[in-house]
């Protein structure tokens, strides 16, 4: 009987977290590019290009001001097309 309790407890501990709903991330497909729609620091909705081939991240000046982002350096970035 102890084995049954141990088994049921282990089963519950392992599988209950798997019942969480997956996150839903809104996106759009425009000209074969994926754009993620999100809010940053309670801003209005922003649109970010999802580029898996990029070396780093890029943000335009207008969006930077909208989310009150402070940039402390520079970097050279390349996209998947060079």
PDB file of N, CA and C in Angstrom:
ATOM      1  N   UNK A   1       0.820  -1.190   0.000  1.00  0.00           N
ATOM      2  CA  UNK A   1       0.000   0.000   0.000  1.00  0.00           C
ATOM      3  C   UNK A   1       0.870   1.262   0.000  1.00  0.00           C
ATOM      4  N   UNK A   2       1.983   1.227   0.732  1.00  0.00           N
ATOM      5  CA  UNK A   2       2.897   2.371   0.744  1.00  0.00           C
ATOM      6  C   UNK A   2       3.439   2.642  -0.651  1.00  0.00           C
ATOM      7  N   UNK A   3       3.693   1.559  -1.395  1.00  0.00           N
ATOM      8  CA  UNK A   3       4.197   1.711  -2.755  1.00  0.00           C
ATOM      9  C   UNK A   3       3.171   2.441  -3.618  1.00  0.00           C
ATOM     10  N   UNK A   4       1.895   2.130  -3.452  1.00  0.00           N
ATOM     11  CA  UNK A   4       0.841   2.779  -4.220  1.00  0.00           C
ATOM     12  C   UNK A   4       0.790   4.281  -3.926  1.00  0.00           C
ATOM     13  N   UNK A   5       0.865   4.651  -2.657  1.00  0.00           N
ATOM     14  CA  UNK A   5       0.880   6.073  -2.287  1.00  0.00           C
ATOM     15  C   UNK A   5       2.101   6.776  -2.865  1.00  0.00           C
ATOM     16  N   UNK A   6       3.249   6.127  -2.788  1.00  0.00           N
ATOM     17  CA  UNK A   6       4.473   6.705  -3.346  1.00  0.00           C
ATOM     18  C   UNK A   6       4.335   6.885  -4.853  1.00  0.00           C
ATOM     19  N   UNK A   7       3.799   5.874  -5.523  1.00  0.00           N
ATOM     20  CA  UNK A   7       3.613   5.939  -6.967  1.00  0.00           C
ATOM     21  C   UNK A   7       2.653   7.068  -7.348  1.00  0.00           C
ATOM     22  N   UNK A   8       1.520   7.159  -6.680  1.00  0.00           N
ATOM     23  CA  UNK A   8       0.544   8.200  -6.994  1.00  0.00           C
ATOM     24  C   UNK A   8       1.087   9.597  -6.711  1.00  0.00           C
ATOM     25  N   UNK A   9       1.793   9.751  -5.610  1.00  0.00           N
ATOM     26  CA  UNK A   9       2.388  11.048  -5.279  1.00  0.00           C
ATOM     27  C   UNK A   9       3.412  11.454  -6.333  1.00  0.00           C
ATOM     28  N   UNK A  10       4.265  10.526  -6.726  1.00  0.00           N
ATOM     29  CA  UNK A  10       5.271  10.801  -7.754  1.00  0.00           C
ATOM     30  C   UNK A  10       4.598  11.151  -9.076  1.00  0.00           C
ATOM     31  N   UNK A  11       3.568  10.408  -9.438  1.00  0.00           N
ATOM     32  CA  UNK A  11       2.833  10.654 -10.673  1.00  0.00           C
ATOM     33  C   UNK A  11       2.246  12.063 -10.679  1.00  0.00           C
ATOM     34  N   UNK A  12       1.635  12.455  -9.585  1.00  0.00           N
ATOM     35  CA  UNK A  12       1.026  13.783  -9.487  1.00  0.00           C
ATOM     36  C   UNK A  12       2.085  14.877  -9.568  1.00  0.00           C
ATOM     37  N   UNK A  13       3.195  14.705  -8.866  1.00  0.00           N
ATOM     38  CA  UNK A  13       4.261  15.713  -8.863  1.00  0.00           C
ATOM     39  C   UNK A  13       4.851  15.895 -10.256  1.00  0.00           C
ATOM     40  N   UNK A  14       4.982  14.810 -10.991  1.00  0.00           N
ATOM     41  CA  UNK A  14       5.604  14.883 -12.316  1.00  0.00           C
ATOM     42  C   UNK A  14       4.657  15.469 -13.359  1.00  0.00           C
ATOM     43  N   UNK A  15       3.392  15.079 -13.341  1.00  0.00           N
ATOM     44  CA  UNK A  15       2.502  15.428 -14.443  1.00  0.00           C
ATOM     45  C   UNK A  15       1.594  16.632 -14.214  1.00  0.00           C
ATOM     46  N   UNK A  16       1.430  17.107 -13.016  1.00  0.00           N
ATOM     47  CA  UNK A  16       0.580  18.287 -12.791  1.00  0.00           C
ATOM     48  C   UNK A  16       1.170  19.525 -13.473  1.00  0.00           C
ATOM     49  N   UNK A  17       2.477  19.802 -13.400  1.00  0.00           N
ATOM     50  CA  UNK A  17       2.991  20.993 -14.091  1.00  0.00           C
ATOM     51  C   UNK A  17       2.776  20.947 -15.601  1.00  0.00           C
ATOM     52  N   UNK A  18       2.642  19.763 -16.174  1.00  0.00           N
ATOM     53  CA  UNK A  18       2.438  19.643 -17.614  1.00  0.00           C
ATOM     54  C   UNK A  18       1.056  20.123 -18.037  1.00  0.00           C
ATOM     55  N   UNK A  19       0.188  20.430 -17.097  1.00  0.00           N
ATOM     56  CA  UNK A  19      -1.161  20.867 -17.413  1.00  0.00           C
ATOM     57  C   UNK A  19      -1.252  22.368 -17.665  1.00  0.00           C
ATOM     58  N   UNK A  20      -0.153  23.102 -17.525  1.00  0.00           N
ATOM     59  CA  UNK A  20      -0.167  24.545 -17.786  1.00  0.00           C
ATOM     60  C   UNK A  20      -0.440  24.801 -19.261  1.00  0.00           C
ATOM     61  N   UNK A  21      -1.210  25.838 -19.538  1.00  0.00           N
ATOM     62  CA  UNK A  21      -1.506  26.189 -20.919  1.00  0.00           C
ATOM     63  C   UNK A  21      -0.270  26.813 -21.559  1.00  0.00           C
ATOM     64  N   UNK A  22      -0.026  26.533 -22.828  1.00  0.00           N
ATOM     65  CA  UNK A  22       1.124  27.148 -23.499  1.00  0.00           C
ATOM     66  C   UNK A  22       0.899  28.645 -23.688  1.00  0.00           C
ATOM     67  N   UNK A  23       1.977  29.387 -23.749  1.00  0.00           N
ATOM     68  CA  UNK A  23       1.890  30.831 -23.982  1.00  0.00           C
ATOM     69  C   UNK A  23       1.445  31.086 -25.420  1.00  0.00           C
ATOM     70  N   UNK A  24       0.672  32.123 -25.608  1.00  0.00           N
ATOM     71  CA  UNK A  24       0.228  32.518 -26.940  1.00  0.00           C
ATOM     72  C   UNK A  24       0.966  33.799 -27.303  1.00  0.00           C
ATOM     73  N   UNK A  25       1.699  33.761 -28.400  1.00  0.00           N
ATOM     74  CA  UNK A  25       2.476  34.915 -28.843  1.00  0.00           C
ATOM     75  C   UNK A  25       1.889  35.402 -30.165  1.00  0.00           C
ATOM     76  N   UNK A  26       1.289  36.601 -30.165  1.00  0.00           N
ATOM     77  CA  UNK A  26       0.696  37.101 -31.408  1.00  0.00           C
ATOM     78  C   UNK A  26       1.778  37.462 -32.426  1.00  0.00           C
ATOM     79  N   UNK A  27       1.538  37.093 -33.671  1.00  0.00           N
ATOM     80  CA  UNK A  27       2.495  37.399 -34.735  1.00  0.00           C
ATOM     81  C   UNK A  27       1.731  37.597 -36.035  1.00  0.00           C
ATOM     82  N   UNK A  28       2.429  38.156 -37.007  1.00  0.00           N
ATOM     83  CA  UNK A  28       1.853  38.288 -38.346  1.00  0.00           C
ATOM     84  C   UNK A  28       2.919  37.904 -39.360  1.00  0.00           C
ATOM     85  N   UNK A  29       2.465  37.472 -40.516  1.00  0.00           N
ATOM     86  CA  UNK A  29       3.355  37.111 -41.609  1.00  0.00           C
ATOM     87  C   UNK A  29       3.166  38.145 -42.708  1.00  0.00           C
ATOM     88  N   UNK A  30       4.230  38.902 -42.996  1.00  0.00           N
ATOM     89  CA  UNK A  30       4.173  39.951 -44.008  1.00  0.00           C
ATOM     90  C   UNK A  30       5.365  39.812 -44.940  1.00  0.00           C
ATOM     91  N   UNK A  31       5.105  39.638 -46.222  1.00  0.00           N
ATOM     92  CA  UNK A  31       6.168  39.492 -47.227  1.00  0.00           C
ATOM     93  C   UNK A  31       7.175  38.422 -46.827  1.00  0.00           C
ATOM     94  N   UNK A  32       6.687  37.275 -46.393  1.00  0.00           N
ATOM     95  CA  UNK A  32       7.509  36.132 -45.970  1.00  0.00           C
ATOM     96  C   UNK A  32       8.408  36.442 -44.781  1.00  0.00           C
ATOM     97  N   UNK A  33       8.054  37.421 -43.982  1.00  0.00           N
ATOM     98  CA  UNK A  33       8.777  37.740 -42.746  1.00  0.00           C
ATOM     99  C   UNK A  33       7.810  37.619 -41.575  1.00  0.00           C
ATOM    100  N   UNK A  34       8.306  37.101 -40.453  1.00  0.00           N
ATOM    101  CA  UNK A  34       7.480  36.934 -39.260  1.00  0.00           C
ATOM    102  C   UNK A  34       7.703  38.130 -38.344  1.00  0.00           C
ATOM    103  N   UNK A  35       6.613  38.780 -37.931  1.00  0.00           N
ATOM    104  CA  UNK A  35       6.664  39.904 -37.007  1.00  0.00           C
ATOM    105  C   UNK A  35       5.962  39.514 -35.713  1.00  0.00           C
ATOM    106  N   UNK A  36       6.629  39.755 -34.592  1.00  0.00           N
ATOM    107  CA  UNK A  36       6.080  39.484 -33.272  1.00  0.00           C
ATOM    108  C   UNK A  36       5.457  40.778 -32.753  1.00  0.00           C
ATOM    109  N   UNK A  37       4.240  40.692 -32.240  1.00  0.00           N
ATOM    110  CA  UNK A  37       3.539  41.855 -31.686  1.00  0.00           C
ATOM    111  C   UNK A  37       3.578  41.761 -30.166  1.00  0.00           C
ATOM    112  N   UNK A  38       4.114  42.790 -29.512  1.00  0.00           N
ATOM    113  CA  UNK A  38       4.227  42.739 -28.050  1.00  0.00           C
ATOM    114  C   UNK A  38       4.276  44.151 -27.463  1.00  0.00           C
ATOM    115  N   UNK A  39       4.183  44.205 -26.146  1.00  0.00           N
ATOM    116  CA  UNK A  39       4.309  45.456 -25.404  1.00  0.00           C
ATOM    117  C   UNK A  39       5.554  45.361 -24.533  1.00  0.00           C
ATOM    118  N   UNK A  40       6.272  46.473 -24.407  1.00  0.00           N
ATOM    119  CA  UNK A  40       7.475  46.532 -23.584  1.00  0.00           C
ATOM    120  C   UNK A  40       7.327  47.713 -22.632  1.00  0.00           C
ATOM    121  N   UNK A  41       7.543  47.486 -21.349  1.00  0.00           N
ATOM    122  CA  UNK A  41       7.452  48.558 -20.346  1.00  0.00           C
ATOM    123  C   UNK A  41       6.138  49.334 -20.444  1.00  0.00           C
ATOM    124  N   UNK A  42       5.025  48.646 -20.550  1.00  0.00           N
ATOM    125  CA  UNK A  42       3.689  49.255 -20.628  1.00  0.00           C
ATOM    126  C   UNK A  42       3.525  50.194 -21.823  1.00  0.00           C
ATOM    127  N   UNK A  43       4.225  49.936 -22.900  1.00  0.00           N
ATOM    128  CA  UNK A  43       4.122  50.764 -24.104  1.00  0.00           C
ATOM    129  C   UNK A  43       2.890  50.350 -24.906  1.00  0.00           C
ATOM    130  N   UNK A  44       2.623  51.099 -25.978  1.00  0.00           N
ATOM    131  CA  UNK A  44       1.642  50.641 -26.955  1.00  0.00           C
ATOM    132  C   UNK A  44       2.229  49.409 -27.632  1.00  0.00           C
ATOM    133  N   UNK A  45       1.405  48.717 -28.402  1.00  0.00           N
ATOM    134  CA  UNK A  45       1.886  47.500 -29.048  1.00  0.00           C
ATOM    135  C   UNK A  45       2.975  47.832 -30.068  1.00  0.00           C
ATOM    136  N   UNK A  46       4.058  47.069 -30.022  1.00  0.00           N
ATOM    137  CA  UNK A  46       5.179  47.232 -30.949  1.00  0.00           C
ATOM    138  C   UNK A  46       5.274  46.002 -31.836  1.00  0.00           C
ATOM    139  N   UNK A  47       5.915  46.154 -32.982  1.00  0.00           N
ATOM    140  CA  UNK A  47       6.076  45.052 -33.920  1.00  0.00           C
ATOM    141  C   UNK A  47       7.574  44.821 -34.127  1.00  0.00           C
ATOM    142  N   UNK A  48       8.033  43.596 -33.846  1.00  0.00           N
ATOM    143  CA  UNK A  48       9.441  43.245 -33.989  1.00  0.00           C
ATOM    144  C   UNK A  48       9.599  42.174 -35.057  1.00  0.00           C
ATOM    145  N   UNK A  49      10.594  42.339 -35.923  1.00  0.00           N
ATOM    146  CA  UNK A  49      10.904  41.335 -36.933  1.00  0.00           C
ATOM    147  C   UNK A  49      11.613  40.169 -36.265  1.00  0.00           C
ATOM    148  N   UNK A  50      11.127  38.960 -36.488  1.00  0.00           N
ATOM    149  CA  UNK A  50      11.734  37.754 -35.931  1.00  0.00           C
ATOM    150  C   UNK A  50      12.705  37.216 -36.969  1.00  0.00           C
ATOM    151  N   UNK A  51      13.993  37.512 -36.794  1.00  0.00           N
ATOM    152  CA  UNK A  51      15.031  37.144 -37.759  1.00  0.00           C
ATOM    153  C   UNK A  51      15.981  36.152 -37.111  1.00  0.00           C
ATOM    154  N   UNK A  52      15.846  34.879 -37.446  1.00  0.00           N
ATOM    155  CA  UNK A  52      16.683  33.851 -36.822  1.00  0.00           C
ATOM    156  C   UNK A  52      18.111  33.866 -37.348  1.00  0.00           C
ATOM    157  N   UNK A  53      18.368  34.595 -38.435  1.00  0.00           N
ATOM    158  CA  UNK A  53      19.711  34.625 -38.989  1.00  0.00           C
ATOM    159  C   UNK A  53      20.525  35.834 -38.569  1.00  0.00           C
ATOM    160  N   UNK A  54      19.961  36.708 -37.755  1.00  0.00           N
ATOM    161  CA  UNK A  54      20.661  37.935 -37.362  1.00  0.00           C
ATOM    162  C   UNK A  54      21.679  37.662 -36.261  1.00  0.00           C
ATOM    163  N   UNK A  55      22.770  38.434 -36.275  1.00  0.00           N
ATOM    164  CA  UNK A  55      23.805  38.327 -35.240  1.00  0.00           C
ATOM    165  C   UNK A  55      23.379  38.974 -33.929  1.00  0.00           C
ATOM    166  N   UNK A  56      22.544  39.986 -33.987  1.00  0.00           N
ATOM    167  CA  UNK A  56      22.162  40.730 -32.787  1.00  0.00           C
ATOM    168  C   UNK A  56      20.774  41.309 -32.938  1.00  0.00           C
ATOM    169  N   UNK A  57      20.456  42.250 -32.087  1.00  0.00           N
ATOM    170  CA  UNK A  57      19.137  42.884 -32.108  1.00  0.00           C
ATOM    171  C   UNK A  57      19.262  44.335 -32.537  1.00  0.00           C
ATOM    172  N   UNK A  58      18.250  44.820 -33.241  1.00  0.00           N
ATOM    173  CA  UNK A  58      18.227  46.197 -33.722  1.00  0.00           C
ATOM    174  C   UNK A  58      16.878  46.792 -33.349  1.00  0.00           C
ATOM    175  N   UNK A  59      16.876  48.052 -32.942  1.00  0.00           N
ATOM    176  CA  UNK A  59      15.626  48.749 -32.637  1.00  0.00           C
ATOM    177  C   UNK A  59      15.710  50.153 -33.218  1.00  0.00           C
ATOM    178  N   UNK A  60      14.600  50.638 -33.787  1.00  0.00           N
ATOM    179  CA  UNK A  60      14.643  51.979 -34.365  1.00  0.00           C
ATOM    180  C   UNK A  60      14.497  53.034 -33.272  1.00  0.00           C
ATOM    181  N   UNK A  61      14.877  54.255 -33.596  1.00  0.00           N
ATOM    182  CA  UNK A  61      14.911  55.337 -32.611  1.00  0.00           C
ATOM    183  C   UNK A  61      13.531  55.636 -32.037  1.00  0.00           C
ATOM    184  N   UNK A  62      12.495  55.595 -32.874  1.00  0.00           N
ATOM    185  CA  UNK A  62      11.142  55.876 -32.394  1.00  0.00           C
ATOM    186  C   UNK A  62      10.677  54.865 -31.353  1.00  0.00           C
ATOM    187  N   UNK A  63      10.893  53.586 -31.617  1.00  0.00           N
ATOM    188  CA  UNK A  63      10.507  52.548 -30.653  1.00  0.00           C
ATOM    189  C   UNK A  63      11.348  52.640 -29.394  1.00  0.00           C
ATOM    190  N   UNK A  64      12.611  52.981 -29.551  1.00  0.00           N
ATOM    191  CA  UNK A  64      13.503  53.137 -28.391  1.00  0.00           C
ATOM    192  C   UNK A  64      12.968  54.211 -27.454  1.00  0.00           C
ATOM    193  N   UNK A  65      12.505  55.310 -28.015  1.00  0.00           N
ATOM    194  CA  UNK A  65      11.938  56.394 -27.197  1.00  0.00           C
ATOM    195  C   UNK A  65      10.611  55.971 -26.568  1.00  0.00           C
ATOM    196  N   UNK A  66       9.785  55.239 -27.318  1.00  0.00           N
ATOM    197  CA  UNK A  66       8.475  54.807 -26.814  1.00  0.00           C
ATOM    198  C   UNK A  66       8.588  53.929 -25.572  1.00  0.00           C
ATOM    199  N   UNK A  67       9.624  53.098 -25.512  1.00  0.00           N
ATOM    200  CA  UNK A  67       9.761  52.180 -24.370  1.00  0.00           C
ATOM    201  C   UNK A  67      10.786  52.662 -23.356  1.00  0.00           C
ATOM    202  N   UNK A  68      11.311  53.875 -23.577  1.00  0.00           N
ATOM    203  CA  UNK A  68      12.287  54.465 -22.654  1.00  0.00           C
ATOM    204  C   UNK A  68      13.493  53.546 -22.460  1.00  0.00           C
ATOM    205  N   UNK A  69      14.052  53.104 -23.582  1.00  0.00           N
ATOM    206  CA  UNK A  69      15.192  52.192 -23.561  1.00  0.00           C
ATOM    207  C   UNK A  69      16.485  52.987 -23.606  1.00  0.00           C
ATOM    208  N   UNK A  70      17.408  52.658 -22.724  1.00  0.00           N
ATOM    209  CA  UNK A  70      18.711  53.313 -22.707  1.00  0.00           C
ATOM    210  C   UNK A  70      19.737  52.367 -23.327  1.00  0.00           C
ATOM    211  N   UNK A  71      20.454  52.855 -24.326  1.00  0.00           N
ATOM    212  CA  UNK A  71      21.473  52.074 -25.015  1.00  0.00           C
ATOM    213  C   UNK A  71      22.827  52.513 -24.481  1.00  0.00           C
ATOM    214  N   UNK A  72      23.640  51.552 -24.072  1.00  0.00           N
ATOM    215  CA  UNK A  72      24.929  51.911 -23.472  1.00  0.00           C
ATOM    216  C   UNK A  72      26.118  51.593 -24.369  1.00  0.00           C
ATOM    217  N   UNK A  73      25.881  51.277 -25.613  1.00  0.00           N
ATOM    218  CA  UNK A  73      26.989  50.982 -26.504  1.00  0.00           C
ATOM    219  C   UNK A  73      26.484  50.786 -27.926  1.00  0.00           C
ATOM    220  N   UNK A  74      27.374  50.409 -28.811  1.00  0.00           N
ATOM    221  CA  UNK A  74      27.010  50.153 -30.199  1.00  0.00           C
ATOM    222  C   UNK A  74      27.537  48.788 -30.597  1.00  0.00           C
ATOM    223  N   UNK A  75      26.979  48.262 -31.671  1.00  0.00           N
ATOM    224  CA  UNK A  75      27.473  47.001 -32.219  1.00  0.00           C
ATOM    225  C   UNK A  75      27.165  46.972 -33.705  1.00  0.00           C
ATOM    226  N   UNK A  76      27.931  46.205 -34.447  1.00  0.00           N
ATOM    227  CA  UNK A  76      27.685  46.012 -35.871  1.00  0.00           C
ATOM    228  C   UNK A  76      26.866  44.738 -36.022  1.00  0.00           C
ATOM    229  N   UNK A  77      25.743  44.832 -36.721  1.00  0.00           N
ATOM    230  CA  UNK A  77      24.853  43.683 -36.899  1.00  0.00           C
ATOM    231  C   UNK A  77      24.717  43.348 -38.366  1.00  0.00           C
ATOM    232  N   UNK A  78      24.529  42.064 -38.641  1.00  0.00           N
ATOM    233  CA  UNK A  78      24.268  41.592 -39.991  1.00  0.00           C
ATOM    234  C   UNK A  78      23.029  40.721 -39.958  1.00  0.00           C
ATOM    235  N   UNK A  79      22.195  40.844 -40.980  1.00  0.00           N
ATOM    236  CA  UNK A  79      21.039  39.970 -41.118  1.00  0.00           C
ATOM    237  C   UNK A  79      21.423  38.712 -41.874  1.00  0.00           C
ATOM    238  N   UNK A  80      20.451  37.882 -42.155  1.00  0.00           N
ATOM    239  CA  UNK A  80      20.733  36.628 -42.844  1.00  0.00           C
ATOM    240  C   UNK A  80      21.152  36.855 -44.294  1.00  0.00           C
ATOM    241  N   UNK A  81      20.857  38.036 -44.841  1.00  0.00           N
ATOM    242  CA  UNK A  81      21.262  38.361 -46.209  1.00  0.00           C
ATOM    243  C   UNK A  81      22.595  39.102 -46.265  1.00  0.00           C
ATOM    244  N   UNK A  82      23.253  39.250 -45.121  1.00  0.00           N
ATOM    245  CA  UNK A  82      24.541  39.932 -45.089  1.00  0.00           C
ATOM    246  C   UNK A  82      24.365  41.341 -44.720  1.00  0.00           C
TER     247      UNK A  82
END
